[in-house]
Protein backbone atom coordinates (compact mmCIF):
# COMPACT_ATOMS: atom_id res chain seq x y z
CA UNK A 1 43.41 -50.89 13.90
CA UNK A 2 42.74 -54.31 13.76
CA UNK A 3 40.76 -55.99 10.92
CA UNK A 4 37.93 -56.96 13.42
CA UNK A 5 37.58 -53.52 14.73
CA UNK A 6 37.55 -52.03 11.18
CA UNK A 7 34.69 -54.64 10.01
CA UNK A 8 32.62 -53.59 13.17
CA UNK A 9 33.29 -49.82 12.48
CA UNK A 10 32.08 -50.51 8.49
CA UNK A 11 28.92 -52.26 9.78
CA UNK A 12 28.06 -49.30 12.10
CA UNK A 13 28.61 -47.14 9.24
CA UNK A 14 26.30 -48.94 6.96
CA UNK A 15 23.54 -49.55 9.18
CA UNK A 16 23.49 -46.09 10.42
CA UNK A 17 22.01 -44.75 7.27
CA UNK A 18 19.44 -47.46 6.87
CA UNK A 19 18.26 -46.57 10.10
CA UNK A 20 17.80 -42.78 9.45
CA UNK A 21 16.25 -43.90 5.85
CA UNK A 22 13.58 -45.94 7.69
CA UNK A 23 12.70 -43.00 10.13
CA UNK A 24 12.56 -40.63 7.32
CA UNK A 25 10.13 -42.99 5.40
CA UNK A 26 8.01 -43.14 8.40
CA UNK A 27 7.79 -39.58 9.18
CA UNK A 28 7.22 -38.37 5.57
CA UNK A 29 3.34 -38.63 5.57
CA UNK A 30 2.94 -36.70 8.83
CA UNK A 31 5.56 -34.01 7.61
CA UNK A 32 3.72 -33.91 4.15
CA UNK A 33 0.01 -33.38 5.82
CA UNK A 34 1.82 -30.86 8.10
CA UNK A 35 3.43 -29.02 5.14
CA UNK A 36 -0.24 -29.01 3.21
CA UNK A 37 -1.73 -27.63 6.07
CA UNK A 38 0.65 -24.89 6.28
CA UNK A 39 0.40 -24.06 2.75
CA UNK A 40 -3.41 -24.09 3.09
CA UNK A 41 -3.46 -21.81 6.17
CA UNK A 42 -0.87 -19.26 4.67
CA UNK A 43 -3.13 -19.17 1.47
CA UNK A 44 -6.40 -18.51 3.43
CA UNK A 45 -4.92 -15.74 5.33
CA UNK A 46 -3.41 -14.04 2.26
CA UNK A 47 -6.95 -13.91 0.81
CA UNK A 48 -8.60 -12.50 3.76
CA UNK A 49 -5.77 -9.86 3.82
CA UNK A 50 -6.54 -9.27 0.40
CA UNK A 51 -10.00 -8.76 0.88
CA UNK A 52 -9.70 -6.54 3.97
CA UNK A 53 -6.59 -4.47 2.99
CA UNK A 54 -5.98 -4.64 -0.42
CA UNK A 55 -3.08 -6.02 -2.45
CA UNK A 56 -0.58 -3.45 -0.78
CA UNK A 57 -1.81 -4.34 2.64
CA UNK A 58 -1.26 -8.26 1.96
CA UNK A 59 2.69 -7.95 3.01
CA UNK A 60 4.37 -10.99 3.51
CA UNK A 61 4.94 -10.02 7.41
CA UNK A 62 1.17 -9.44 7.51
CA UNK A 63 0.48 -12.81 5.99
CA UNK A 64 2.83 -14.61 8.21
CA UNK A 65 1.38 -13.28 11.20
CA UNK A 66 -2.35 -14.15 10.35
CA UNK A 67 -1.28 -17.33 9.43
CA UNK A 68 0.42 -17.89 12.66
CA UNK A 69 3.95 -18.87 11.12
CA UNK A 70 7.53 -17.12 10.67
CA UNK A 71 7.96 -14.84 7.77
CA UNK A 72 10.82 -17.34 6.39
CA UNK A 73 8.15 -19.94 5.94
CA UNK A 74 5.98 -17.80 4.01
CA UNK A 75 8.95 -16.99 1.86
CA UNK A 76 10.27 -20.77 1.67
CA UNK A 77 6.64 -21.79 0.66
CA UNK A 78 5.73 -19.07 -1.93
CA UNK A 79 8.73 -17.03 -2.48
CA UNK A 80 7.24 -13.79 -2.76
CA UNK A 81 3.92 -11.81 -3.00
CA UNK A 82 3.57 -13.03 -6.86
CA UNK A 83 3.99 -16.54 -5.59
CA UNK A 84 1.26 -15.91 -2.93
CA UNK A 85 -1.17 -14.30 -6.11
CA UNK A 86 -0.51 -17.30 -8.23
CA UNK A 87 -1.59 -19.65 -5.30
CA UNK A 88 -4.66 -17.72 -5.08
CA UNK A 89 -5.51 -17.96 -8.92
CA UNK A 90 -4.66 -21.60 -9.15
CA UNK A 91 -6.97 -22.50 -6.16
CA UNK A 92 -9.85 -20.81 -8.28
CA UNK A 93 -8.73 -22.29 -11.53
CA UNK A 94 -8.14 -25.78 -10.82
CA UNK A 95 -10.84 -26.78 -8.18
CA UNK A 96 -13.48 -29.54 -8.73
CA UNK A 97 -14.89 -28.57 -11.63
CA UNK A 98 -11.31 -28.44 -13.44
CA UNK A 99 -10.68 -31.81 -11.77
CA UNK A 100 -13.81 -33.45 -12.99
CA UNK A 101 -13.40 -32.30 -16.67
CA UNK A 102 -9.55 -33.78 -16.37
CA UNK A 103 -10.71 -37.19 -15.09
CA UNK A 104 -13.31 -37.17 -17.94
CA UNK A 105 -10.84 -36.32 -20.66
CA UNK A 106 -8.43 -39.00 -19.39
CA UNK A 107 -11.10 -41.59 -20.32
CA UNK A 108 -11.35 -40.54 -23.82
CA UNK A 109 -8.78 -42.22 -26.30
CA UNK A 110 -9.71 -40.85 -29.62
CA UNK A 111 -7.46 -37.65 -30.08
CA UNK A 112 -10.26 -36.13 -32.31
CA UNK A 113 -12.79 -36.52 -29.11
CA UNK A 114 -10.16 -35.43 -26.52
CA UNK A 115 -9.67 -32.09 -28.82
CA UNK A 116 -13.17 -31.13 -27.59
CA UNK A 117 -11.62 -30.65 -24.12
CA UNK A 118 -9.19 -28.24 -25.43
CA UNK A 119 -12.39 -25.91 -25.43
CA UNK A 120 -14.09 -27.19 -22.30
CA UNK A 121 -11.25 -26.76 -19.93
CA UNK A 122 -9.94 -23.17 -20.94
CA UNK A 123 -13.67 -22.03 -20.31
CA UNK A 124 -13.76 -23.75 -17.11
CA UNK A 125 -10.39 -22.27 -16.04
CA UNK A 126 -10.76 -18.52 -17.11
CA UNK A 127 -14.51 -18.63 -15.84
CA UNK A 128 -13.29 -19.58 -12.28
CA UNK A 129 -10.42 -17.09 -12.17
CA UNK A 130 -12.88 -14.21 -12.67
CA UNK A 131 -13.70 -13.32 -9.06
CA UNK A 132 -10.17 -13.66 -7.83
CA UNK A 133 -8.83 -11.32 -10.90
CA UNK A 134 -11.55 -8.86 -10.08
CA UNK A 135 -10.45 -8.91 -6.52
CA UNK A 136 -7.01 -8.44 -7.18
CA UNK A 137 -7.77 -5.67 -9.66
CA UNK A 138 -9.92 -4.11 -7.04
CA UNK A 139 -7.40 -4.47 -4.34
CA UNK A 140 -4.91 -2.38 -6.39
CA UNK A 141 -2.64 -5.22 -8.07
CA UNK A 142 -1.84 -3.31 -11.38
CA UNK A 143 -2.35 -5.12 -14.69
CA UNK A 144 1.43 -5.65 -15.29
CA UNK A 145 1.86 -7.24 -12.01
CA UNK A 146 -0.83 -9.69 -12.87
CA UNK A 147 0.55 -10.37 -16.09
CA UNK A 148 3.90 -11.32 -14.74
CA UNK A 149 2.05 -13.83 -12.62
CA UNK A 150 0.54 -15.43 -15.63
CA UNK A 151 3.75 -16.01 -17.58
CA UNK A 152 4.53 -19.32 -16.11
CA UNK A 153 1.31 -20.57 -16.59
CA UNK A 154 1.24 -19.65 -20.16
CA UNK A 155 4.65 -21.42 -20.71
CA UNK A 156 2.97 -24.75 -18.90
CA UNK A 157 -0.13 -24.68 -20.88
CA UNK A 158 2.00 -24.48 -24.18
CA UNK A 159 3.73 -27.71 -22.68
CA UNK A 160 0.81 -29.45 -21.74
CA UNK A 161 -0.66 -29.27 -25.17
CA UNK A 162 2.28 -30.83 -26.68
CA UNK A 163 0.71 -34.68 -25.99
CA UNK A 164 -2.74 -33.82 -27.80
CA UNK A 165 -0.75 -32.55 -31.04
CA UNK A 166 1.42 -35.72 -31.11
CA UNK A 167 -1.46 -37.98 -30.66
CA UNK A 168 -3.09 -36.28 -33.74
CA UNK A 169 -0.09 -36.41 -35.75
CA UNK A 170 0.31 -40.16 -34.85
CA UNK A 171 -3.15 -41.03 -35.77
CA UNK A 172 -2.90 -39.21 -38.92
CA UNK A 173 -5.83 -36.76 -38.00
CA UNK A 174 -3.85 -33.64 -38.07
CA UNK A 175 -4.74 -31.09 -41.16
CA UNK A 176 -2.79 -31.85 -44.24
CA UNK A 177 -0.09 -29.30 -44.65
CA UNK A 178 0.23 -28.42 -40.94
CA UNK A 179 3.40 -29.18 -39.31
CA UNK A 180 3.69 -30.02 -35.58
CA UNK A 181 5.23 -26.59 -34.25
CA UNK A 182 2.59 -24.65 -36.14
CA UNK A 183 -0.30 -26.86 -34.76
CA UNK A 184 1.17 -26.50 -31.25
CA UNK A 185 1.31 -22.53 -31.55
CA UNK A 186 -1.95 -22.40 -33.40
CA UNK A 187 -3.83 -24.49 -30.23
CA UNK A 188 -1.88 -22.39 -27.60
CA UNK A 189 -3.09 -19.14 -29.18
CA UNK A 190 -6.61 -19.92 -29.76
CA UNK A 191 -6.80 -21.21 -25.89
CA UNK A 192 -5.22 -18.13 -24.65
CA UNK A 193 -6.72 -16.28 -21.85
CA UNK A 194 -6.68 -12.97 -24.10
CA UNK A 195 -9.20 -14.36 -26.56
CA UNK A 196 -11.58 -15.35 -23.59
CA UNK A 197 -11.15 -11.84 -22.10
CA UNK A 198 -11.91 -10.43 -25.52
CA UNK A 199 -14.81 -12.40 -26.27
CA UNK A 200 -16.48 -13.01 -22.91
CA UNK A 201 -15.38 -10.08 -20.75
CA UNK A 202 -15.26 -7.48 -23.34
CA UNK A 203 -17.78 -8.13 -26.11
CA UNK A 204 -20.07 -10.07 -23.68
CA UNK A 205 -20.19 -13.33 -25.16
CA UNK A 206 -21.92 -16.06 -23.24
CA UNK A 207 -19.35 -18.57 -21.99
CA UNK A 208 -21.36 -21.34 -23.76
CA UNK A 209 -21.03 -19.15 -26.91
CA UNK A 210 -17.16 -18.74 -26.26
CA UNK A 211 -16.97 -22.76 -25.83
CA UNK A 212 -18.83 -23.59 -28.93
CA UNK A 213 -16.92 -21.05 -31.28
CA UNK A 214 -13.57 -22.47 -29.79
CA UNK A 215 -14.52 -25.97 -30.23
CA UNK A 216 -15.38 -25.62 -33.82
CA UNK A 217 -12.41 -23.19 -34.59
CA UNK A 218 -9.98 -25.59 -33.13
CA UNK A 219 -11.42 -28.51 -35.08
CA UNK A 220 -11.16 -26.46 -38.24
CA UNK A 221 -7.61 -25.18 -37.72
CA UNK A 222 -6.15 -28.57 -36.71
CA UNK A 223 -8.34 -31.12 -38.39
CA UNK A 224 -9.92 -29.21 -41.30
CA UNK A 225 -13.42 -30.13 -40.69
């Protein structure tokens, strides 16, 4: 092969990926919108099937048929029925009320003042999920299955609280003698779903009472006042 031909071949090889990259970049917003619409349609279909046919009747093939998509599409997006259940719970938990609280918290720079949101946010999440949890239990989803769907969220909650504890340490507001890991464990425990369930759902505390108690308890345990 001559040097001239080699240069032309190399030039075509260099230009081809760039052309494809531009096309992918151009198409990505439309593809993302389509993916979001498919995701939403499947979740909506699953919710209706859950209400009409119960958890046992909310099979992957039934969800796919109701959403007008192929069965592999449902698996590729949600992975399993547990994935669909997690999505339905997340839609309830992380709606407009939650988003507003997060935006409000992000405007607060003082870690001690931000600590108040550690009681407001759990109340918002746990209250919002009650109707879906009741639906799941009423539809025949067993408590152990529901618990499995929550394990990942508990791990994410533990990780998300790390920054707040570090800010309290950085500003020397963490209670004297309390180490970082113990503080994280305490905050994770106090903001758990189990405590909300025991006080609000079983002992019939008003959600407002739970939030006040949780705020005072968190401040006492982490700051000491």
